[in-house]
C-alpha atoms as a PDB file:
ATOM      1  CA  UNK A   1     -34.632  -2.236 -57.008  1.00  0.00           C
ATOM      2  CA  UNK A   2     -31.656  -4.380 -56.208  1.00  0.00           C
ATOM      3  CA  UNK A   3     -29.306  -2.077 -54.942  1.00  0.00           C
ATOM      4  CA  UNK A   4     -32.081  -0.273 -52.653  1.00  0.00           C
ATOM      5  CA  UNK A   5     -32.457  -3.688 -50.921  1.00  0.00           C
ATOM      6  CA  UNK A   6     -28.865  -4.665 -50.168  1.00  0.00           C
ATOM      7  CA  UNK A   7     -28.554  -1.218 -49.445  1.00  0.00           C
ATOM      8  CA  UNK A   8     -30.971  -1.007 -46.460  1.00  0.00           C
ATOM      9  CA  UNK A   9     -30.159  -4.828 -45.658  1.00  0.00           C
ATOM     10  CA  UNK A  10     -27.049  -3.616 -44.973  1.00  0.00           C
ATOM     11  CA  UNK A  11     -27.848  -0.693 -43.140  1.00  0.00           C
ATOM     12  CA  UNK A  12     -29.928  -2.665 -40.850  1.00  0.00           C
ATOM     13  CA  UNK A  13     -27.583  -5.397 -40.063  1.00  0.00           C
ATOM     14  CA  UNK A  14     -24.951  -2.504 -38.834  1.00  0.00           C
ATOM     15  CA  UNK A  15     -27.693  -0.658 -36.625  1.00  0.00           C
ATOM     16  CA  UNK A  16     -28.393  -4.287 -35.210  1.00  0.00           C
ATOM     17  CA  UNK A  17     -24.950  -5.405 -35.039  1.00  0.00           C
ATOM     18  CA  UNK A  18     -24.477  -1.502 -33.118  1.00  0.00           C
ATOM     19  CA  UNK A  19     -27.453  -1.845 -30.646  1.00  0.00           C
ATOM     20  CA  UNK A  20     -27.398  -5.761 -29.744  1.00  0.00           C
ATOM     21  CA  UNK A  21     -24.185  -7.548 -30.535  1.00  0.00           C
ATOM     22  CA  UNK A  22     -21.209  -4.859 -29.223  1.00  0.00           C
ATOM     23  CA  UNK A  23     -22.723  -3.662 -26.498  1.00  0.00           C
ATOM     24  CA  UNK A  24     -22.910  -7.477 -25.069  1.00  0.00           C
ATOM     25  CA  UNK A  25     -19.397  -8.332 -26.429  1.00  0.00           C
ATOM     26  CA  UNK A  26     -17.809  -5.019 -25.179  1.00  0.00           C
ATOM     27  CA  UNK A  27     -17.955  -4.031 -21.629  1.00  0.00           C
ATOM     28  CA  UNK A  28     -16.869  -0.486 -22.114  1.00  0.00           C
ATOM     29  CA  UNK A  29     -19.334   2.504 -21.651  1.00  0.00           C
ATOM     30  CA  UNK A  30     -18.031   4.047 -25.308  1.00  0.00           C
ATOM     31  CA  UNK A  31     -17.619   0.710 -27.946  1.00  0.00           C
ATOM     32  CA  UNK A  32     -16.611   1.118 -31.512  1.00  0.00           C
ATOM     33  CA  UNK A  33     -18.898   2.627 -33.906  1.00  0.00           C
ATOM     34  CA  UNK A  34     -20.431   0.283 -36.014  1.00  0.00           C
ATOM     35  CA  UNK A  35     -23.277   2.030 -37.861  1.00  0.00           C
ATOM     36  CA  UNK A  36     -20.581   4.948 -38.300  1.00  0.00           C
ATOM     37  CA  UNK A  37     -17.607   3.193 -39.666  1.00  0.00           C
ATOM     38  CA  UNK A  38     -19.985   1.724 -42.017  1.00  0.00           C
ATOM     39  CA  UNK A  39     -21.151   4.963 -43.248  1.00  0.00           C
ATOM     40  CA  UNK A  40     -17.410   5.826 -43.428  1.00  0.00           C
ATOM     41  CA  UNK A  41     -16.692   2.647 -45.842  1.00  0.00           C
ATOM     42  CA  UNK A  42     -19.725   3.273 -47.796  1.00  0.00           C
ATOM     43  CA  UNK A  43     -18.542   6.904 -48.444  1.00  0.00           C
ATOM     44  CA  UNK A  44     -15.151   6.066 -49.507  1.00  0.00           C
ATOM     45  CA  UNK A  45     -16.659   2.814 -51.780  1.00  0.00           C
ATOM     46  CA  UNK A  46     -20.003   5.174 -53.488  1.00  0.00           C
ATOM     47  CA  UNK A  47     -18.689   8.814 -52.840  1.00  0.00           C
ATOM     48  CA  UNK A  48     -20.511  11.605 -51.029  1.00  0.00           C
ATOM     49  CA  UNK A  49     -23.279  12.695 -53.518  1.00  0.00           C
ATOM     50  CA  UNK A  50     -23.751   8.931 -54.292  1.00  0.00           C
ATOM     51  CA  UNK A  51     -24.228   7.845 -50.785  1.00  0.00           C
ATOM     52  CA  UNK A  52     -25.845  11.352 -49.018  1.00  0.00           C
ATOM     53  CA  UNK A  53     -29.185  10.171 -48.892  1.00  0.00           C
ATOM     54  CA  UNK A  54     -28.196   7.025 -47.742  1.00  0.00           C
ATOM     55  CA  UNK A  55     -26.300   8.471 -45.041  1.00  0.00           C
ATOM     56  CA  UNK A  56     -29.862  10.672 -43.736  1.00  0.00           C
ATOM     57  CA  UNK A  57     -31.713   7.432 -43.513  1.00  0.00           C
ATOM     58  CA  UNK A  58     -29.034   5.682 -41.947  1.00  0.00           C
ATOM     59  CA  UNK A  59     -28.845   8.225 -39.375  1.00  0.00           C
ATOM     60  CA  UNK A  60     -32.492   8.324 -38.740  1.00  0.00           C
ATOM     61  CA  UNK A  61     -33.300   4.634 -38.934  1.00  0.00           C
ATOM     62  CA  UNK A  62     -30.211   4.333 -36.092  1.00  0.00           C
ATOM     63  CA  UNK A  63     -32.114   6.930 -33.876  1.00  0.00           C
ATOM     64  CA  UNK A  64     -35.213   5.379 -33.784  1.00  0.00           C
ATOM     65  CA  UNK A  65     -33.957   2.186 -33.363  1.00  0.00           C
ATOM     66  CA  UNK A  66     -31.603   2.835 -30.524  1.00  0.00           C
ATOM     67  CA  UNK A  67     -34.088   6.025 -29.166  1.00  0.00           C
ATOM     68  CA  UNK A  68     -31.792   8.610 -29.753  1.00  0.00           C
ATOM     69  CA  UNK A  69     -32.888  12.376 -30.294  1.00  0.00           C
ATOM     70  CA  UNK A  70     -33.859  12.119 -33.729  1.00  0.00           C
ATOM     71  CA  UNK A  71     -31.304  13.667 -36.418  1.00  0.00           C
ATOM     72  CA  UNK A  72     -28.438  12.945 -33.796  1.00  0.00           C
ATOM     73  CA  UNK A  73     -26.156  10.357 -35.509  1.00  0.00           C
ATOM     74  CA  UNK A  74     -27.555  12.603 -38.783  1.00  0.00           C
ATOM     75  CA  UNK A  75     -25.773  14.738 -37.695  1.00  0.00           C
ATOM     76  CA  UNK A  76     -22.396  12.841 -36.971  1.00  0.00           C
ATOM     77  CA  UNK A  77     -22.808  10.895 -40.095  1.00  0.00           C
ATOM     78  CA  UNK A  78     -22.991  14.018 -42.866  1.00  0.00           C
ATOM     79  CA  UNK A  79     -19.715  15.990 -41.497  1.00  0.00           C
ATOM     80  CA  UNK A  80     -17.967  12.285 -41.832  1.00  0.00           C
ATOM     81  CA  UNK A  81     -19.277  11.789 -45.171  1.00  0.00           C
ATOM     82  CA  UNK A  82     -18.263  15.575 -46.307  1.00  0.00           C
ATOM     83  CA  UNK A  83     -14.764  15.407 -44.789  1.00  0.00           C
ATOM     84  CA  UNK A  84     -14.265  12.205 -46.095  1.00  0.00           C
ATOM     85  CA  UNK A  85     -15.191  13.361 -49.718  1.00  0.00           C
ATOM     86  CA  UNK A  86     -13.133  16.803 -48.953  1.00  0.00           C
ATOM     87  CA  UNK A  87      -9.710  14.748 -48.841  1.00  0.00           C
ATOM     88  CA  UNK A  88     -10.804  11.911 -51.237  1.00  0.00           C
ATOM     89  CA  UNK A  89     -11.075  14.375 -54.362  1.00  0.00           C
ATOM     90  CA  UNK A  90      -7.852  16.407 -52.930  1.00  0.00           C
ATOM     91  CA  UNK A  91      -5.666  12.775 -52.700  1.00  0.00           C
ATOM     92  CA  UNK A  92      -5.659   9.471 -55.309  1.00  0.00           C
ATOM     93  CA  UNK A  93      -7.162   6.205 -53.252  1.00  0.00           C
ATOM     94  CA  UNK A  94      -5.427   3.966 -55.991  1.00  0.00           C
ATOM     95  CA  UNK A  95      -1.831   3.653 -54.289  1.00  0.00           C
ATOM     96  CA  UNK A  96      -2.210   1.433 -51.371  1.00  0.00           C
ATOM     97  CA  UNK A  97       0.161   3.632 -48.950  1.00  0.00           C
ATOM     98  CA  UNK A  98      -1.544   6.854 -49.226  1.00  0.00           C
ATOM     99  CA  UNK A  99      -4.759   4.925 -49.131  1.00  0.00           C
ATOM    100  CA  UNK A 100      -3.814   3.259 -46.024  1.00  0.00           C
ATOM    101  CA  UNK A 101      -2.723   6.037 -44.763  1.00  0.00           C
ATOM    102  CA  UNK A 102      -5.953   8.198 -45.573  1.00  0.00           C
ATOM    103  CA  UNK A 103      -8.064   5.044 -43.851  1.00  0.00           C
ATOM    104  CA  UNK A 104      -6.419   5.676 -40.595  1.00  0.00           C
ATOM    105  CA  UNK A 105      -6.811   9.259 -40.561  1.00  0.00           C
ATOM    106  CA  UNK A 106     -10.160   9.026 -41.696  1.00  0.00           C
ATOM    107  CA  UNK A 107     -10.953   6.445 -38.817  1.00  0.00           C
ATOM    108  CA  UNK A 108      -9.031   8.176 -36.523  1.00  0.00           C
ATOM    109  CA  UNK A 109     -10.902  12.007 -37.280  1.00  0.00           C
ATOM    110  CA  UNK A 110     -14.384  10.291 -36.891  1.00  0.00           C
ATOM    111  CA  UNK A 111     -13.728   8.446 -33.997  1.00  0.00           C
ATOM    112  CA  UNK A 112     -12.465  12.018 -32.017  1.00  0.00           C
ATOM    113  CA  UNK A 113     -15.159  13.942 -33.924  1.00  0.00           C
ATOM    114  CA  UNK A 114     -18.170  11.623 -33.583  1.00  0.00           C
ATOM    115  CA  UNK A 115     -17.183  11.377 -29.896  1.00  0.00           C
ATOM    116  CA  UNK A 116     -17.337  14.971 -29.540  1.00  0.00           C
ATOM    117  CA  UNK A 117     -20.223  15.576 -31.179  1.00  0.00           C
ATOM    118  CA  UNK A 118     -22.233  12.828 -29.204  1.00  0.00           C
ATOM    119  CA  UNK A 119     -20.995  14.420 -25.820  1.00  0.00           C
ATOM    120  CA  UNK A 120     -21.962  17.662 -26.345  1.00  0.00           C
ATOM    121  CA  UNK A 121     -25.425  16.685 -28.039  1.00  0.00           C
ATOM    122  CA  UNK A 122     -26.016  14.102 -25.117  1.00  0.00           C
ATOM    123  CA  UNK A 123     -25.076  17.645 -22.691  1.00  0.00           C
ATOM    124  CA  UNK A 124     -27.079  19.815 -24.730  1.00  0.00           C
ATOM    125  CA  UNK A 125     -30.023  20.078 -21.841  1.00  0.00           C
ATOM    126  CA  UNK A 126     -27.452  20.195 -18.872  1.00  0.00           C
ATOM    127  CA  UNK A 127     -25.442  23.368 -20.504  1.00  0.00           C
ATOM    128  CA  UNK A 128     -22.485  21.754 -19.185  1.00  0.00           C
ATOM    129  CA  UNK A 129     -19.376  19.901 -19.687  1.00  0.00           C
ATOM    130  CA  UNK A 130     -18.571  18.198 -16.416  1.00  0.00           C
ATOM    131  CA  UNK A 131     -17.390  14.538 -17.221  1.00  0.00           C
ATOM    132  CA  UNK A 132     -16.442  15.073 -20.134  1.00  0.00           C
ATOM    133  CA  UNK A 133     -12.882  14.498 -19.519  1.00  0.00           C
ATOM    134  CA  UNK A 134     -13.751  11.177 -17.402  1.00  0.00           C
ATOM    135  CA  UNK A 135     -16.367   9.720 -19.956  1.00  0.00           C
ATOM    136  CA  UNK A 136     -15.624  11.078 -23.439  1.00  0.00           C
ATOM    137  CA  UNK A 137     -11.940  12.080 -23.694  1.00  0.00           C
ATOM    138  CA  UNK A 138     -10.106   9.201 -21.353  1.00  0.00           C
ATOM    139  CA  UNK A 139      -6.841   8.052 -23.255  1.00  0.00           C
ATOM    140  CA  UNK A 140      -7.777   4.342 -22.522  1.00  0.00           C
ATOM    141  CA  UNK A 141     -11.261   5.008 -23.569  1.00  0.00           C
ATOM    142  CA  UNK A 142     -10.517   6.896 -26.966  1.00  0.00           C
ATOM    143  CA  UNK A 143      -7.458   3.788 -27.972  1.00  0.00           C
ATOM    144  CA  UNK A 144     -10.210   1.357 -26.918  1.00  0.00           C
ATOM    145  CA  UNK A 145     -12.670   3.041 -29.435  1.00  0.00           C
ATOM    146  CA  UNK A 146     -10.199   3.415 -32.167  1.00  0.00           C
ATOM    147  CA  UNK A 147      -9.143  -0.386 -31.404  1.00  0.00           C
ATOM    148  CA  UNK A 148     -12.676  -1.331 -32.115  1.00  0.00           C
ATOM    149  CA  UNK A 149     -13.572   1.335 -34.736  1.00  0.00           C
ATOM    150  CA  UNK A 150     -10.226  -0.038 -37.038  1.00  0.00           C
ATOM    151  CA  UNK A 151     -11.495  -3.801 -36.956  1.00  0.00           C
ATOM    152  CA  UNK A 152     -15.373  -2.635 -37.467  1.00  0.00           C
ATOM    153  CA  UNK A 153     -14.164   0.020 -40.420  1.00  0.00           C
ATOM    154  CA  UNK A 154     -12.305  -2.955 -42.146  1.00  0.00           C
ATOM    155  CA  UNK A 155     -14.830  -5.120 -41.764  1.00  0.00           C
ATOM    156  CA  UNK A 156     -17.414  -3.049 -42.922  1.00  0.00           C
ATOM    157  CA  UNK A 157     -15.258  -1.846 -45.930  1.00  0.00           C
ATOM    158  CA  UNK A 158     -14.481  -5.515 -47.169  1.00  0.00           C
ATOM    159  CA  UNK A 159     -18.241  -6.632 -46.721  1.00  0.00           C
ATOM    160  CA  UNK A 160     -19.671  -3.562 -48.877  1.00  0.00           C
ATOM    161  CA  UNK A 161     -17.110  -4.118 -51.081  1.00  0.00           C
ATOM    162  CA  UNK A 162     -18.020  -7.671 -51.560  1.00  0.00           C
ATOM    163  CA  UNK A 163     -21.624  -7.288 -51.649  1.00  0.00           C
ATOM    164  CA  UNK A 164     -21.167  -4.491 -54.798  1.00  0.00           C
ATOM    165  CA  UNK A 165     -19.221  -6.908 -56.513  1.00  0.00           C
ATOM    166  CA  UNK A 166     -21.183 -10.104 -55.813  1.00  0.00           C
ATOM    167  CA  UNK A 167     -24.959  -8.215 -56.664  1.00  0.00           C
ATOM    168  CA  UNK A 168     -23.026  -6.104 -59.460  1.00  0.00           C
ATOM    169  CA  UNK A 169     -24.150  -2.942 -58.066  1.00  0.00           C
ATOM    170  CA  UNK A 170     -22.684   0.251 -59.606  1.00  0.00           C
ATOM    171  CA  UNK A 171     -21.616   3.098 -57.473  1.00  0.00           C
END
């Protein structure tokens, strides 16, 4: 019960941070993805199968709170979790050098993948890729979002890890 309450609270904080704080603080069209970075940190700390149902709930809550089409962020979060699970099983996360390199690879690939998926879902009704390079794939936008996502990832990684230690939550 304690795990459920803590995870729901952290998930709601990540969603509220994404929908209310980040748009006010940053003035870019595509700011960092707090919810996706929290899901990435969670999946690294808990593993794919332990966090899978939480990822679905987190994506659905994020869709409801942000007035997005239901399931849009689930379509982004679940492949991210599978990607992390796929590489985490093949590489050890114990040595610091490998872990840092994998974190960088995860954040870069998740940022690019989430931008592509969100653009495709948003442009599905138009059946056109007009404006893709201007809005979603501009080099400056990707660099800024990567910078924001690195900060958000390490923030959520630290917060979730410390909450799990404080509340003595096992994976």
